Amino acid sequence: MFKQLTLPNYIFERMIGFSLPKRDKIIVISYEGIHELVLGAPVMVTHDTLHPEGGTLYDSQSRILSYDNDKFKIIGLHGGEPILQSNTGEKIHLDKQKQILRIVQNDSKVLLNFSYEDLSGDWNYATFSEDFKYVFLAIPYNLFIFQR
């Protein structure tokens, strides 16, 4: 089963994209700057407002952010490559019309059924993390994180 992580009340106003975790850290690019989230209990956030929209550190064509001596693949406004199936066959189903995120096992057992509200109607992505420990649902005004 997946449990939703509690995030701080305010991280960003409108997101451009997010990275998959590296060492339990994700990067969010917003119109305000770059935000680093360290996943845990509680989720810790730092804000770098020196690089709105990622500044010169973000290449929207390749969707790569070069930040803090590392490179992050970004999923969001400019596209991306979500991981939609886990190594054990669990699948992510994102119904954008009904605004429902569902994670289903091979035997059709529903592991997560999450309703959300998308105020933008722009882009949205759901993805497993590379280690399949997390599931992310990102829409321009919200980020939802679920952990096993």
C-alpha atoms as a PDB file:
ATOM      1  CA  MET A   1       0.000   0.000   0.000  1.00  0.00           C
ATOM      2  CA  PHE A   2       1.026   3.597  -0.526  1.00  0.00           C
ATOM      3  CA  LYS A   3       0.800   6.381   2.053  1.00  0.00           C
ATOM      4  CA  GLN A   4       0.646  10.043   1.067  1.00  0.00           C
ATOM      5  CA  LEU A   5       3.515  12.123   2.463  1.00  0.00           C
ATOM      6  CA  THR A   6       2.626  15.381   4.148  1.00  0.00           C
ATOM      7  CA  LEU A   7       4.268  18.301   2.376  1.00  0.00           C
ATOM      8  CA  PRO A   8       4.712  21.834   3.683  1.00  0.00           C
ATOM      9  CA  ASN A   9       1.701  24.078   3.027  1.00  0.00           C
ATOM     10  CA  TYR A  10       3.609  26.149   0.497  1.00  0.00           C
ATOM     11  CA  ILE A  11       6.452  25.095  -1.777  1.00  0.00           C
ATOM     12  CA  PHE A  12       5.751  26.888  -5.072  1.00  0.00           C
ATOM     13  CA  GLU A  13       2.986  28.777  -6.820  1.00  0.00           C
ATOM     14  CA  ARG A  14       3.230  27.097 -10.245  1.00  0.00           C
ATOM     15  CA  MET A  15       5.568  24.248 -11.056  1.00  0.00           C
ATOM     16  CA  ILE A  16       7.419  23.824 -14.348  1.00  0.00           C
ATOM     17  CA  GLY A  17       8.656  20.335 -13.534  1.00  0.00           C
ATOM     18  CA  PHE A  18      10.179  17.942 -11.033  1.00  0.00           C
ATOM     19  CA  SER A  19      12.921  15.332 -10.913  1.00  0.00           C
ATOM     20  CA  LEU A  20      12.841  11.762  -9.747  1.00  0.00           C
ATOM     21  CA  PRO A  21      14.625  11.279  -6.427  1.00  0.00           C
ATOM     22  CA  LYS A  22      18.353  10.912  -6.038  1.00  0.00           C
ATOM     23  CA  ARG A  23      19.310   9.858  -2.521  1.00  0.00           C
ATOM     24  CA  ASP A  24      15.748  10.723  -1.372  1.00  0.00           C
ATOM     25  CA  LYS A  25      16.057  14.266  -2.746  1.00  0.00           C
ATOM     26  CA  ILE A  26      13.931  15.713  -5.545  1.00  0.00           C
ATOM     27  CA  ILE A  27      14.198  19.017  -7.341  1.00  0.00           C
ATOM     28  CA  VAL A  28      11.201  21.116  -8.352  1.00  0.00           C
ATOM     29  CA  ILE A  29      11.513  23.964 -10.840  1.00  0.00           C
ATOM     30  CA  SER A  30       8.907  26.700 -10.557  1.00  0.00           C
ATOM     31  CA  TYR A  31       8.478  30.173 -11.968  1.00  0.00           C
ATOM     32  CA  GLU A  32       9.890  31.394  -8.631  1.00  0.00           C
ATOM     33  CA  GLY A  33      13.059  29.298  -8.566  1.00  0.00           C
ATOM     34  CA  ILE A  34      14.448  25.879  -7.734  1.00  0.00           C
ATOM     35  CA  HIS A  35      13.159  23.970  -4.723  1.00  0.00           C
ATOM     36  CA  GLU A  36      14.934  21.014  -3.133  1.00  0.00           C
ATOM     37  CA  LEU A  37      12.776  18.513  -1.250  1.00  0.00           C
ATOM     38  CA  VAL A  38      14.418  15.943   1.003  1.00  0.00           C
ATOM     39  CA  LEU A  39      11.950  13.103   1.417  1.00  0.00           C
ATOM     40  CA  GLY A  40      11.380  11.839   4.928  1.00  0.00           C
ATOM     41  CA  ALA A  41       9.262  12.559   7.936  1.00  0.00           C
ATOM     42  CA  PRO A  42       8.944  15.485   7.744  1.00  0.00           C
ATOM     43  CA  VAL A  43       9.731  16.491   4.159  1.00  0.00           C
ATOM     44  CA  MET A  44      12.326  19.272   4.291  1.00  0.00           C
ATOM     45  CA  VAL A  45      12.321  22.037   1.653  1.00  0.00           C
ATOM     46  CA  THR A  46      14.899  24.642   0.676  1.00  0.00           C
ATOM     47  CA  HIS A  47      14.265  27.389  -1.863  1.00  0.00           C
ATOM     48  CA  ASP A  48      16.724  28.903  -4.337  1.00  0.00           C
ATOM     49  CA  THR A  49      15.103  32.022  -5.775  1.00  0.00           C
ATOM     50  CA  LEU A  50      18.233  32.991  -7.714  1.00  0.00           C
ATOM     51  CA  HIS A  51      17.138  30.785 -10.629  1.00  0.00           C
ATOM     52  CA  PRO A  52      13.485  31.472 -11.558  1.00  0.00           C
ATOM     53  CA  GLU A  53      12.282  28.919 -14.120  1.00  0.00           C
ATOM     54  CA  GLY A  54      15.627  27.183 -13.598  1.00  0.00           C
ATOM     55  CA  GLY A  55      17.444  30.106 -15.191  1.00  0.00           C
ATOM     56  CA  THR A  56      20.447  29.153 -17.304  1.00  0.00           C
ATOM     57  CA  LEU A  57      20.760  25.896 -15.320  1.00  0.00           C
ATOM     58  CA  TYR A  58      17.716  24.343 -17.005  1.00  0.00           C
ATOM     59  CA  ASP A  59      17.714  23.226 -20.634  1.00  0.00           C
ATOM     60  CA  SER A  60      14.032  22.819 -21.494  1.00  0.00           C
ATOM     61  CA  GLN A  61      14.869  21.106 -24.817  1.00  0.00           C
ATOM     62  CA  SER A  62      16.725  18.219 -23.158  1.00  0.00           C
ATOM     63  CA  ARG A  63      14.752  18.587 -19.897  1.00  0.00           C
ATOM     64  CA  ILE A  64      18.014  18.498 -17.918  1.00  0.00           C
ATOM     65  CA  LEU A  65      18.704  20.685 -14.901  1.00  0.00           C
ATOM     66  CA  SER A  66      22.366  21.079 -13.934  1.00  0.00           C
ATOM     67  CA  TYR A  67      22.222  21.996 -10.271  1.00  0.00           C
ATOM     68  CA  ASP A  68      24.296  21.483  -7.142  1.00  0.00           C
ATOM     69  CA  ASN A  69      27.025  19.582  -9.053  1.00  0.00           C
ATOM     70  CA  ASP A  70      24.479  17.087 -10.399  1.00  0.00           C
ATOM     71  CA  LYS A  71      22.182  16.603 -13.376  1.00  0.00           C
ATOM     72  CA  PHE A  72      18.452  15.996 -12.977  1.00  0.00           C
ATOM     73  CA  LYS A  73      15.998  14.801 -15.626  1.00  0.00           C
ATOM     74  CA  ILE A  74      12.879  16.927 -15.324  1.00  0.00           C
ATOM     75  CA  ILE A  75       9.299  15.802 -15.990  1.00  0.00           C
ATOM     76  CA  GLY A  76       6.659  18.467 -16.486  1.00  0.00           C
ATOM     77  CA  LEU A  77       5.704  21.332 -18.761  1.00  0.00           C
ATOM     78  CA  HIS A  78       8.240  20.368 -21.445  1.00  0.00           C
ATOM     79  CA  GLY A  79       7.439  16.643 -21.388  1.00  0.00           C
ATOM     80  CA  GLY A  80       9.287  13.823 -19.748  1.00  0.00           C
ATOM     81  CA  GLU A  81       9.644  10.103 -19.358  1.00  0.00           C
ATOM     82  CA  PRO A  82       7.493   8.820 -16.488  1.00  0.00           C
ATOM     83  CA  ILE A  83       7.936   5.278 -15.183  1.00  0.00           C
ATOM     84  CA  LEU A  84       4.465   3.766 -15.448  1.00  0.00           C
ATOM     85  CA  GLN A  85       5.178   0.173 -14.397  1.00  0.00           C
ATOM     86  CA  SER A  86       7.099  -1.135 -11.395  1.00  0.00           C
ATOM     87  CA  ASN A  87       9.564  -4.001 -11.404  1.00  0.00           C
ATOM     88  CA  THR A  88       6.804  -6.227  -9.947  1.00  0.00           C
ATOM     89  CA  GLY A  89       4.242  -5.296 -12.605  1.00  0.00           C
ATOM     90  CA  GLU A  90       2.249  -2.661 -10.732  1.00  0.00           C
ATOM     91  CA  LYS A  91       0.873  -0.078 -13.154  1.00  0.00           C
ATOM     92  CA  ILE A  92       0.001   3.580 -12.879  1.00  0.00           C
ATOM     93  CA  HIS A  93      -3.239   4.686 -14.485  1.00  0.00           C
ATOM     94  CA  LEU A  94      -3.818   8.425 -14.652  1.00  0.00           C
ATOM     95  CA  ASP A  95      -7.320   9.362 -15.770  1.00  0.00           C
ATOM     96  CA  LYS A  96      -6.882  13.031 -16.620  1.00  0.00           C
ATOM     97  CA  GLN A  97     -10.566  13.525 -17.462  1.00  0.00           C
ATOM     98  CA  LYS A  98     -11.860  12.141 -14.143  1.00  0.00           C
ATOM     99  CA  GLN A  99      -8.743  13.389 -12.289  1.00  0.00           C
ATOM    100  CA  ILE A 100      -8.008  10.063 -10.630  1.00  0.00           C
ATOM    101  CA  LEU A 101      -4.649   8.408 -10.029  1.00  0.00           C
ATOM    102  CA  ARG A 102      -4.829   4.639  -9.659  1.00  0.00           C
ATOM    103  CA  ILE A 103      -2.088   2.103  -8.987  1.00  0.00           C
ATOM    104  CA  VAL A 104      -3.073  -1.456  -9.825  1.00  0.00           C
ATOM    105  CA  GLN A 105      -1.324  -4.788  -9.209  1.00  0.00           C
ATOM    106  CA  ASN A 106      -1.086  -7.560 -11.811  1.00  0.00           C
ATOM    107  CA  ASP A 107      -4.178  -9.235 -10.341  1.00  0.00           C
ATOM    108  CA  SER A 108      -6.133  -5.978 -10.750  1.00  0.00           C
ATOM    109  CA  LYS A 109      -6.049  -5.266  -7.020  1.00  0.00           C
ATOM    110  CA  VAL A 110      -6.140  -1.488  -6.518  1.00  0.00           C
ATOM    111  CA  LEU A 111      -3.235  -0.320  -4.326  1.00  0.00           C
ATOM    112  CA  LEU A 112      -4.042   3.381  -4.545  1.00  0.00           C
ATOM    113  CA  ASN A 113      -7.102   5.294  -5.687  1.00  0.00           C
ATOM    114  CA  PHE A 114      -6.512   9.041  -5.355  1.00  0.00           C
ATOM    115  CA  SER A 115      -8.759  11.862  -6.589  1.00  0.00           C
ATOM    116  CA  TYR A 116      -7.209  15.249  -7.269  1.00  0.00           C
ATOM    117  CA  GLU A 117      -8.256  18.607  -8.630  1.00  0.00           C
ATOM    118  CA  ASP A 118      -6.343  20.092 -11.545  1.00  0.00           C
ATOM    119  CA  LEU A 119      -7.000  23.830 -11.657  1.00  0.00           C
ATOM    120  CA  SER A 120      -4.814  24.431 -14.719  1.00  0.00           C
ATOM    121  CA  GLY A 121      -5.896  21.796 -17.227  1.00  0.00           C
ATOM    122  CA  ASP A 122      -2.371  22.146 -18.612  1.00  0.00           C
ATOM    123  CA  TRP A 123      -0.056  19.182 -18.007  1.00  0.00           C
ATOM    124  CA  ASN A 124       0.092  16.404 -15.438  1.00  0.00           C
ATOM    125  CA  TYR A 125       2.255  13.355 -14.881  1.00  0.00           C
ATOM    126  CA  ALA A 126       2.348  10.395 -12.561  1.00  0.00           C
ATOM    127  CA  THR A 127       5.443   8.249 -12.199  1.00  0.00           C
ATOM    128  CA  PHE A 128       7.152   5.705 -10.014  1.00  0.00           C
ATOM    129  CA  SER A 129      10.576   6.605  -8.674  1.00  0.00           C
ATOM    130  CA  GLU A 130      13.421   4.536 -10.132  1.00  0.00           C
ATOM    131  CA  ASP A 131      13.584   2.394  -6.972  1.00  0.00           C
ATOM    132  CA  PHE A 132       9.739   2.063  -6.971  1.00  0.00           C
ATOM    133  CA  LYS A 133       9.636   3.318  -3.378  1.00  0.00           C
ATOM    134  CA  TYR A 134       7.655   6.444  -4.314  1.00  0.00           C
ATOM    135  CA  VAL A 135       4.887   7.522  -6.658  1.00  0.00           C
ATOM    136  CA  PHE A 136       4.609  11.159  -7.738  1.00  0.00           C
ATOM    137  CA  LEU A 137       1.619  12.979  -9.135  1.00  0.00           C
ATOM    138  CA  ALA A 138       2.520  16.407 -10.464  1.00  0.00           C
ATOM    139  CA  ILE A 139       0.277  19.101 -11.849  1.00  0.00           C
ATOM    140  CA  PRO A 140       1.264  22.758 -12.232  1.00  0.00           C
ATOM    141  CA  TYR A 141      -0.189  23.878  -8.891  1.00  0.00           C
ATOM    142  CA  ASN A 142       0.373  20.710  -6.854  1.00  0.00           C
ATOM    143  CA  LEU A 143       2.748  17.882  -6.124  1.00  0.00           C
ATOM    144  CA  PHE A 144       1.566  14.737  -4.383  1.00  0.00           C
ATOM    145  CA  ILE A 145       4.041  12.144  -3.134  1.00  0.00           C
ATOM    146  CA  PHE A 146       3.147   8.626  -2.019  1.00  0.00           C
ATOM    147  CA  GLN A 147       5.561   6.239  -0.291  1.00  0.00           C
ATOM    148  CA  ARG A 148       5.371   2.488   0.229  1.00  0.00           C
END
